[in-house]
Amino acid sequence: MKFSGILLCSDFDGTLKATPENIAALEYFTNNGGHFTMASGRYPTHFRNAVEGLPINVPVVALNGNVIYDLKTDEILWSNPMPNML
């Protein structure tokens, strides 16, 4: 496939405009083997409704890289919480 092995990751807040043209381009990318996801400092469950219509086909990066979250299964796949410093 044309984009096999390529991961495209976008910031969540204000970086990607979900215009019909951008969504069509992302669908072309993912339909041709590309992987697309989002990254944000937001909590994982925020992505559930906020990314509707975007062709996200791999887990998202949440909490500034401290959580990898699978939207399809509603499951945290990996996390690295900060140690308790108290």
PDB file of N, CA and C in Angstrom:
ATOM      1  N   MET A   1       0.832  -1.173   0.000  1.00  0.00           N
ATOM      2  CA  MET A   1       0.000   0.000   0.000  1.00  0.00           C
ATOM      3  C   MET A   1       0.885   1.248   0.000  1.00  0.00           C
ATOM      4  N   LYS A   2       0.385   2.277  -0.552  1.00  0.00           N
ATOM      5  CA  LYS A   2       1.145   3.502  -0.788  1.00  0.00           C
ATOM      6  C   LYS A   2       1.734   4.117   0.499  1.00  0.00           C
ATOM      7  N   PHE A   3       0.978   4.118   1.593  1.00  0.00           N
ATOM      8  CA  PHE A   3       1.434   4.767   2.830  1.00  0.00           C
ATOM      9  C   PHE A   3       1.707   3.763   3.947  1.00  0.00           C
ATOM     10  N   SER A   4       1.893   2.506   3.616  1.00  0.00           N
ATOM     11  CA  SER A   4       2.159   1.470   4.599  1.00  0.00           C
ATOM     12  C   SER A   4       3.392   1.812   5.422  1.00  0.00           C
ATOM     13  N   GLY A   5       3.267   1.677   6.728  1.00  0.00           N
ATOM     14  CA  GLY A   5       4.395   1.937   7.621  1.00  0.00           C
ATOM     15  C   GLY A   5       4.563   3.396   8.004  1.00  0.00           C
ATOM     16  N   ILE A   6       3.663   4.261   7.560  1.00  0.00           N
ATOM     17  CA  ILE A   6       3.767   5.689   7.889  1.00  0.00           C
ATOM     18  C   ILE A   6       2.714   6.047   8.926  1.00  0.00           C
ATOM     19  N   LEU A   7       3.146   6.725   9.995  1.00  0.00           N
ATOM     20  CA  LEU A   7       2.261   7.193  11.047  1.00  0.00           C
ATOM     21  C   LEU A   7       2.191   8.712  10.979  1.00  0.00           C
ATOM     22  N   LEU A   8       0.988   9.227  10.909  1.00  0.00           N
ATOM     23  CA  LEU A   8       0.744  10.664  10.933  1.00  0.00           C
ATOM     24  C   LEU A   8       0.017  10.966  12.230  1.00  0.00           C
ATOM     25  N   CYS A   9       0.587  11.857  13.022  1.00  0.00           N
ATOM     26  CA  CYS A   9       0.022  12.197  14.315  1.00  0.00           C
ATOM     27  C   CYS A   9      -0.176  13.703  14.382  1.00  0.00           C
ATOM     28  N   SER A  10      -1.355  14.130  14.787  1.00  0.00           N
ATOM     29  CA  SER A  10      -1.653  15.552  14.886  1.00  0.00           C
ATOM     30  C   SER A  10      -1.961  15.925  16.323  1.00  0.00           C
ATOM     31  N   ASP A  11      -1.592  17.133  16.694  1.00  0.00           N
ATOM     32  CA  ASP A  11      -2.005  17.688  17.974  1.00  0.00           C
ATOM     33  C   ASP A  11      -3.520  17.840  17.952  1.00  0.00           C
ATOM     34  N   PHE A  12      -4.127  17.883  19.088  1.00  0.00           N
ATOM     35  CA  PHE A  12      -5.578  17.914  19.158  1.00  0.00           C
ATOM     36  C   PHE A  12      -6.151  19.330  19.108  1.00  0.00           C
ATOM     37  N   ASP A  13      -5.630  20.226  19.893  1.00  0.00           N
ATOM     38  CA  ASP A  13      -6.248  21.534  20.078  1.00  0.00           C
ATOM     39  C   ASP A  13      -5.829  22.556  19.036  1.00  0.00           C
ATOM     40  N   GLY A  14      -6.664  22.732  18.033  1.00  0.00           N
ATOM     41  CA  GLY A  14      -6.475  23.803  17.073  1.00  0.00           C
ATOM     42  C   GLY A  14      -5.488  23.549  15.955  1.00  0.00           C
ATOM     43  N   THR A  15      -4.757  22.470  15.980  1.00  0.00           N
ATOM     44  CA  THR A  15      -3.772  22.198  14.941  1.00  0.00           C
ATOM     45  C   THR A  15      -4.434  21.664  13.683  1.00  0.00           C
ATOM     46  N   LEU A  16      -5.300  20.702  13.842  1.00  0.00           N
ATOM     47  CA  LEU A  16      -5.976  20.080  12.702  1.00  0.00           C
ATOM     48  C   LEU A  16      -7.379  20.647  12.581  1.00  0.00           C
ATOM     49  N   LYS A  17      -7.654  21.264  11.477  1.00  0.00           N
ATOM     50  CA  LYS A  17      -9.009  21.748  11.185  1.00  0.00           C
ATOM     51  C   LYS A  17      -9.760  20.622  10.493  1.00  0.00           C
ATOM     52  N   ALA A  18     -10.892  20.217  11.059  1.00  0.00           N
ATOM     53  CA  ALA A  18     -11.654  19.097  10.505  1.00  0.00           C
ATOM     54  C   ALA A  18     -12.549  19.571   9.363  1.00  0.00           C
ATOM     55  N   THR A  19     -11.932  20.112   8.332  1.00  0.00           N
ATOM     56  CA  THR A  19     -12.672  20.540   7.148  1.00  0.00           C
ATOM     57  C   THR A  19     -12.948  19.326   6.273  1.00  0.00           C
ATOM     58  N   PRO A  20     -13.931  19.411   5.399  1.00  0.00           N
ATOM     59  CA  PRO A  20     -14.197  18.276   4.493  1.00  0.00           C
ATOM     60  C   PRO A  20     -12.961  17.901   3.671  1.00  0.00           C
ATOM     61  N   GLU A  21     -12.176  18.890   3.256  1.00  0.00           N
ATOM     62  CA  GLU A  21     -10.972  18.603   2.467  1.00  0.00           C
ATOM     63  C   GLU A  21      -9.927  17.853   3.290  1.00  0.00           C
ATOM     64  N   ASN A  22      -9.727  18.273   4.536  1.00  0.00           N
ATOM     65  CA  ASN A  22      -8.748  17.597   5.388  1.00  0.00           C
ATOM     66  C   ASN A  22      -9.195  16.185   5.736  1.00  0.00           C
ATOM     67  N   ILE A  23     -10.475  16.019   6.021  1.00  0.00           N
ATOM     68  CA  ILE A  23     -10.988  14.679   6.331  1.00  0.00           C
ATOM     69  C   ILE A  23     -10.847  13.775   5.118  1.00  0.00           C
ATOM     70  N   ALA A  24     -11.139  14.290   3.927  1.00  0.00           N
ATOM     71  CA  ALA A  24     -10.980  13.494   2.704  1.00  0.00           C
ATOM     72  C   ALA A  24      -9.525  13.097   2.502  1.00  0.00           C
ATOM     73  N   ALA A  25      -8.601  14.011   2.773  1.00  0.00           N
ATOM     74  CA  ALA A  25      -7.170  13.703   2.629  1.00  0.00           C
ATOM     75  C   ALA A  25      -6.745  12.643   3.631  1.00  0.00           C
ATOM     76  N   LEU A  26      -7.231  12.739   4.870  1.00  0.00           N
ATOM     77  CA  LEU A  26      -6.894  11.733   5.883  1.00  0.00           C
ATOM     78  C   LEU A  26      -7.507  10.379   5.547  1.00  0.00           C
ATOM     79  N   GLU A  27      -8.709  10.382   5.014  1.00  0.00           N
ATOM     80  CA  GLU A  27      -9.323   9.117   4.593  1.00  0.00           C
ATOM     81  C   GLU A  27      -8.540   8.486   3.442  1.00  0.00           C
ATOM     82  N   TYR A  28      -8.084   9.297   2.512  1.00  0.00           N
ATOM     83  CA  TYR A  28      -7.245   8.785   1.422  1.00  0.00           C
ATOM     84  C   TYR A  28      -5.967   8.163   2.000  1.00  0.00           C
ATOM     85  N   PHE A  29      -5.352   8.872   2.936  1.00  0.00           N
ATOM     86  CA  PHE A  29      -4.124   8.404   3.578  1.00  0.00           C
ATOM     87  C   PHE A  29      -4.355   7.066   4.284  1.00  0.00           C
ATOM     88  N   THR A  30      -5.398   6.982   5.123  1.00  0.00           N
ATOM     89  CA  THR A  30      -5.637   5.747   5.873  1.00  0.00           C
ATOM     90  C   THR A  30      -6.144   4.614   4.985  1.00  0.00           C
ATOM     91  N   ASN A  31      -6.926   4.942   3.965  1.00  0.00           N
ATOM     92  CA  ASN A  31      -7.406   3.912   3.037  1.00  0.00           C
ATOM     93  C   ASN A  31      -6.281   3.318   2.194  1.00  0.00           C
ATOM     94  N   ASN A  32      -5.160   4.026   2.163  1.00  0.00           N
ATOM     95  CA  ASN A  32      -4.000   3.553   1.404  1.00  0.00           C
ATOM     96  C   ASN A  32      -2.864   3.114   2.312  1.00  0.00           C
ATOM     97  N   GLY A  33      -3.229   2.616   3.497  1.00  0.00           N
ATOM     98  CA  GLY A  33      -2.262   1.976   4.372  1.00  0.00           C
ATOM     99  C   GLY A  33      -1.663   2.834   5.456  1.00  0.00           C
ATOM    100  N   GLY A  34      -1.958   4.124   5.483  1.00  0.00           N
ATOM    101  CA  GLY A  34      -1.389   5.002   6.500  1.00  0.00           C
ATOM    102  C   GLY A  34      -2.062   4.841   7.852  1.00  0.00           C
ATOM    103  N   HIS A  35      -1.329   5.178   8.888  1.00  0.00           N
ATOM    104  CA  HIS A  35      -1.851   5.160  10.254  1.00  0.00           C
ATOM    105  C   HIS A  35      -1.997   6.605  10.706  1.00  0.00           C
ATOM    106  N   PHE A  36      -3.159   6.937  11.262  1.00  0.00           N
ATOM    107  CA  PHE A  36      -3.419   8.296  11.719  1.00  0.00           C
ATOM    108  C   PHE A  36      -3.938   8.281  13.148  1.00  0.00           C
ATOM    109  N   THR A  37      -3.415   9.209  13.966  1.00  0.00           N
ATOM    110  CA  THR A  37      -3.869   9.347  15.343  1.00  0.00           C
ATOM    111  C   THR A  37      -3.717  10.781  15.804  1.00  0.00           C
ATOM    112  N   MET A  38      -4.131  11.022  17.018  1.00  0.00           N
ATOM    113  CA  MET A  38      -4.039  12.346  17.636  1.00  0.00           C
ATOM    114  C   MET A  38      -3.229  12.235  18.921  1.00  0.00           C
ATOM    115  N   ALA A  39      -2.651  13.367  19.323  1.00  0.00           N
ATOM    116  CA  ALA A  39      -1.928  13.448  20.586  1.00  0.00           C
ATOM    117  C   ALA A  39      -2.379  14.705  21.313  1.00  0.00           C
ATOM    118  N   SER A  40      -2.490  14.600  22.630  1.00  0.00           N
ATOM    119  CA  SER A  40      -2.975  15.738  23.395  1.00  0.00           C
ATOM    120  C   SER A  40      -2.603  15.595  24.855  1.00  0.00           C
ATOM    121  N   GLY A  41      -2.699  16.691  25.547  1.00  0.00           N
ATOM    122  CA  GLY A  41      -2.555  16.669  26.996  1.00  0.00           C
ATOM    123  C   GLY A  41      -3.857  16.301  27.686  1.00  0.00           C
ATOM    124  N   ARG A  42      -4.914  16.158  26.919  1.00  0.00           N
ATOM    125  CA  ARG A  42      -6.232  15.861  27.474  1.00  0.00           C
ATOM    126  C   ARG A  42      -6.341  14.420  27.978  1.00  0.00           C
ATOM    127  N   TYR A  43      -7.358  14.205  28.800  1.00  0.00           N
ATOM    128  CA  TYR A  43      -7.623  12.881  29.341  1.00  0.00           C
ATOM    129  C   TYR A  43      -8.130  11.966  28.225  1.00  0.00           C
ATOM    130  N   PRO A  44      -7.821  10.682  28.258  1.00  0.00           N
ATOM    131  CA  PRO A  44      -8.153   9.773  27.162  1.00  0.00           C
ATOM    132  C   PRO A  44      -9.628   9.766  26.747  1.00  0.00           C
ATOM    133  N   THR A  45     -10.530   9.773  27.699  1.00  0.00           N
ATOM    134  CA  THR A  45     -11.942   9.670  27.352  1.00  0.00           C
ATOM    135  C   THR A  45     -12.456  10.918  26.642  1.00  0.00           C
ATOM    136  N   HIS A  46     -11.742  12.010  26.692  1.00  0.00           N
ATOM    137  CA  HIS A  46     -12.133  13.216  25.970  1.00  0.00           C
ATOM    138  C   HIS A  46     -12.195  12.952  24.466  1.00  0.00           C
ATOM    139  N   PHE A  47     -11.383  12.042  23.981  1.00  0.00           N
ATOM    140  CA  PHE A  47     -11.319  11.741  22.560  1.00  0.00           C
ATOM    141  C   PHE A  47     -12.580  11.067  22.033  1.00  0.00           C
ATOM    142  N   ARG A  48     -13.319  10.388  22.884  1.00  0.00           N
ATOM    143  CA  ARG A  48     -14.472   9.585  22.435  1.00  0.00           C
ATOM    144  C   ARG A  48     -15.379  10.332  21.472  1.00  0.00           C
ATOM    145  N   ASN A  49     -15.860  11.493  21.865  1.00  0.00           N
ATOM    146  CA  ASN A  49     -16.786  12.246  21.023  1.00  0.00           C
ATOM    147  C   ASN A  49     -16.093  13.363  20.259  1.00  0.00           C
ATOM    148  N   ALA A  50     -14.979  13.820  20.754  1.00  0.00           N
ATOM    149  CA  ALA A  50     -14.320  14.997  20.180  1.00  0.00           C
ATOM    150  C   ALA A  50     -13.686  14.735  18.820  1.00  0.00           C
ATOM    151  N   VAL A  51     -13.415  13.500  18.484  1.00  0.00           N
ATOM    152  CA  VAL A  51     -12.731  13.203  17.220  1.00  0.00           C
ATOM    153  C   VAL A  51     -13.657  12.519  16.210  1.00  0.00           C
ATOM    154  N   GLU A  52     -14.956  12.602  16.456  1.00  0.00           N
ATOM    155  CA  GLU A  52     -15.916  11.983  15.549  1.00  0.00           C
ATOM    156  C   GLU A  52     -15.709  12.465  14.123  1.00  0.00           C
ATOM    157  N   GLY A  53     -15.695  11.526  13.197  1.00  0.00           N
ATOM    158  CA  GLY A  53     -15.526  11.858  11.792  1.00  0.00           C
ATOM    159  C   GLY A  53     -14.091  11.790  11.307  1.00  0.00           C
ATOM    160  N   LEU A  54     -13.131  11.798  12.228  1.00  0.00           N
ATOM    161  CA  LEU A  54     -11.725  11.682  11.830  1.00  0.00           C
ATOM    162  C   LEU A  54     -11.359  10.206  11.705  1.00  0.00           C
ATOM    163  N   PRO A  55     -10.616   9.835  10.679  1.00  0.00           N
ATOM    164  CA  PRO A  55     -10.297   8.417  10.461  1.00  0.00           C
ATOM    165  C   PRO A  55      -9.110   7.934  11.308  1.00  0.00           C
ATOM    166  N   ILE A  56      -9.258   8.039  12.615  1.00  0.00           N
ATOM    167  CA  ILE A  56      -8.214   7.564  13.531  1.00  0.00           C
ATOM    168  C   ILE A  56      -8.242   6.045  13.511  1.00  0.00           C
ATOM    169  N   ASN A  57      -7.102   5.446  13.172  1.00  0.00           N
ATOM    170  CA  ASN A  57      -7.070   3.989  13.053  1.00  0.00           C
ATOM    171  C   ASN A  57      -5.997   3.328  13.915  1.00  0.00           C
ATOM    172  N   VAL A  58      -5.389   4.086  14.802  1.00  0.00           N
ATOM    173  CA  VAL A  58      -4.461   3.543  15.801  1.00  0.00           C
ATOM    174  C   VAL A  58      -4.721   4.274  17.111  1.00  0.00           C
ATOM    175  N   PRO A  59      -4.257   3.737  18.238  1.00  0.00           N
ATOM    176  CA  PRO A  59      -4.517   4.376  19.524  1.00  0.00           C
ATOM    177  C   PRO A  59      -4.003   5.815  19.593  1.00  0.00           C
ATOM    178  N   VAL A  60      -4.670   6.615  20.437  1.00  0.00           N
ATOM    179  CA  VAL A  60      -4.298   8.011  20.618  1.00  0.00           C
ATOM    180  C   VAL A  60      -3.309   8.149  21.768  1.00  0.00           C
ATOM    181  N   VAL A  61      -2.579   9.250  21.733  1.00  0.00           N
ATOM    182  CA  VAL A  61      -1.616   9.583  22.784  1.00  0.00           C
ATOM    183  C   VAL A  61      -2.273  10.647  23.654  1.00  0.00           C
ATOM    184  N   ALA A  62      -2.439  10.370  24.940  1.00  0.00           N
ATOM    185  CA  ALA A  62      -3.134  11.286  25.841  1.00  0.00           C
ATOM    186  C   ALA A  62      -2.240  11.665  27.022  1.00  0.00           C
ATOM    187  N   LEU A  63      -2.687  12.669  27.749  1.00  0.00           N
ATOM    188  CA  LEU A  63      -1.984  13.149  28.943  1.00  0.00           C
ATOM    189  C   LEU A  63      -0.504  13.398  28.668  1.00  0.00           C
ATOM    190  N   ASN A  64      -0.257  14.094  27.567  1.00  0.00           N
ATOM    191  CA  ASN A  64       1.109  14.480  27.174  1.00  0.00           C
ATOM    192  C   ASN A  64       2.069  13.303  27.071  1.00  0.00           C
ATOM    193  N   GLY A  65       1.563  12.199  26.550  1.00  0.00           N
ATOM    194  CA  GLY A  65       2.407  11.035  26.322  1.00  0.00           C
ATOM    195  C   GLY A  65       2.423  10.039  27.463  1.00  0.00           C
ATOM    196  N   ASN A  66       1.663  10.293  28.517  1.00  0.00           N
ATOM    197  CA  ASN A  66       1.647   9.379  29.657  1.00  0.00           C
ATOM    198  C   ASN A  66       0.629   8.260  29.525  1.00  0.00           C
ATOM    199  N   VAL A  67      -0.232   8.329  28.504  1.00  0.00           N
ATOM    200  CA  VAL A  67      -1.250   7.300  28.303  1.00  0.00           C
ATOM    201  C   VAL A  67      -1.406   7.030  26.808  1.00  0.00           C
ATOM    202  N   ILE A  68      -1.476   5.762  26.455  1.00  0.00           N
ATOM    203  CA  ILE A  68      -1.836   5.340  25.101  1.00  0.00           C
ATOM    204  C   ILE A  68      -3.206   4.686  25.236  1.00  0.00           C
ATOM    205  N   TYR A  69      -4.175   5.225  24.485  1.00  0.00           N
ATOM    206  CA  TYR A  69      -5.583   4.855  24.664  1.00  0.00           C
ATOM    207  C   TYR A  69      -6.181   4.374  23.348  1.00  0.00           C
ATOM    208  N   ASP A  70      -6.837   3.213  23.401  1.00  0.00           N
ATOM    209  CA  ASP A  70      -7.486   2.644  22.223  1.00  0.00           C
ATOM    210  C   ASP A  70      -8.953   3.067  22.201  1.00  0.00           C
ATOM    211  N   LEU A  71      -9.307   3.911  21.239  1.00  0.00           N
ATOM    212  CA  LEU A  71     -10.682   4.385  21.114  1.00  0.00           C
ATOM    213  C   LEU A  71     -11.658   3.259  20.812  1.00  0.00           C
ATOM    214  N   LYS A  72     -11.235   2.281  20.038  1.00  0.00           N
ATOM    215  CA  LYS A  72     -12.135   1.204  19.610  1.00  0.00           C
ATOM    216  C   LYS A  72     -12.558   0.314  20.775  1.00  0.00           C
ATOM    217  N   THR A  73     -11.619   0.045  21.681  1.00  0.00           N
ATOM    218  CA  THR A  73     -11.918  -0.857  22.795  1.00  0.00           C
ATOM    219  C   THR A  73     -12.151  -0.123  24.112  1.00  0.00           C
ATOM    220  N   ASP A  74     -11.989   1.225  24.101  1.00  0.00           N
ATOM    221  CA  ASP A  74     -12.123   2.036  25.314  1.00  0.00           C
ATOM    222  C   ASP A  74     -11.184   1.521  26.401  1.00  0.00           C
ATOM    223  N   GLU A  75      -9.936   1.295  26.002  1.00  0.00           N
ATOM    224  CA  GLU A  75      -8.977   0.650  26.891  1.00  0.00           C
ATOM    225  C   GLU A  75      -7.660   1.417  26.919  1.00  0.00           C
ATOM    226  N   ILE A  76      -7.115   1.590  28.108  1.00  0.00           N
ATOM    227  CA  ILE A  76      -5.773   2.153  28.239  1.00  0.00           C
ATOM    228  C   ILE A  76      -4.787   1.024  27.980  1.00  0.00           C
ATOM    229  N   LEU A  77      -3.971   1.186  26.951  1.00  0.00           N
ATOM    230  CA  LEU A  77      -3.024   0.143  26.556  1.00  0.00           C
ATOM    231  C   LEU A  77      -1.704   0.260  27.293  1.00  0.00           C
ATOM    232  N   TRP A  78      -1.366   1.493  27.666  1.00  0.00           N
ATOM    233  CA  TRP A  78      -0.094   1.730  28.345  1.00  0.00           C
ATOM    234  C   TRP A  78      -0.214   3.029  29.124  1.00  0.00           C
ATOM    235  N   SER A  79       0.394   3.086  30.285  1.00  0.00           N
ATOM    236  CA  SER A  79       0.432   4.341  31.029  1.00  0.00           C
ATOM    237  C   SER A  79       1.715   4.403  31.845  1.00  0.00           C
ATOM    238  N   ASN A  80       2.116   5.609  32.127  1.00  0.00           N
ATOM    239  CA  ASN A  80       3.320   5.852  32.903  1.00  0.00           C
ATOM    240  C   ASN A  80       3.036   7.005  33.857  1.00  0.00           C
ATOM    241  N   PRO A  81       2.276   6.723  34.924  1.00  0.00           N
ATOM    242  CA  PRO A  81       1.911   7.799  35.845  1.00  0.00           C
ATOM    243  C   PRO A  81       3.127   8.356  36.569  1.00  0.00           C
ATOM    244  N   MET A  82       3.006   9.621  36.943  1.00  0.00           N
ATOM    245  CA  MET A  82       4.076  10.249  37.703  1.00  0.00           C
ATOM    246  C   MET A  82       4.140   9.603  39.084  1.00  0.00           C
ATOM    247  N   PRO A  83       5.337   9.418  39.617  1.00  0.00           N
ATOM    248  CA  PRO A  83       5.444   8.825  40.955  1.00  0.00           C
ATOM    249  C   PRO A  83       4.908   9.793  42.020  1.00  0.00           C
ATOM    250  N   ASN A  84       4.401   9.227  43.091  1.00  0.00           N
ATOM    251  CA  ASN A  84       3.926  10.039  44.194  1.00  0.00           C
ATOM    252  C   ASN A  84       5.116  10.678  44.876  1.00  0.00           C
ATOM    253  N   MET A  85       5.149  11.997  44.885  1.00  0.00           N
ATOM    254  CA  MET A  85       6.308  12.718  45.432  1.00  0.00           C
ATOM    255  C   MET A  85       6.077  13.183  46.867  1.00  0.00           C
ATOM    256  N   LEU A  86       4.949  12.804  47.471  1.00  0.00           N
ATOM    257  CA  LEU A  86       4.661  13.251  48.836  1.00  0.00           C
ATOM    258  C   LEU A  86       5.285  12.382  49.862  1.00  0.00           C
TER     259      LEU A  86
END
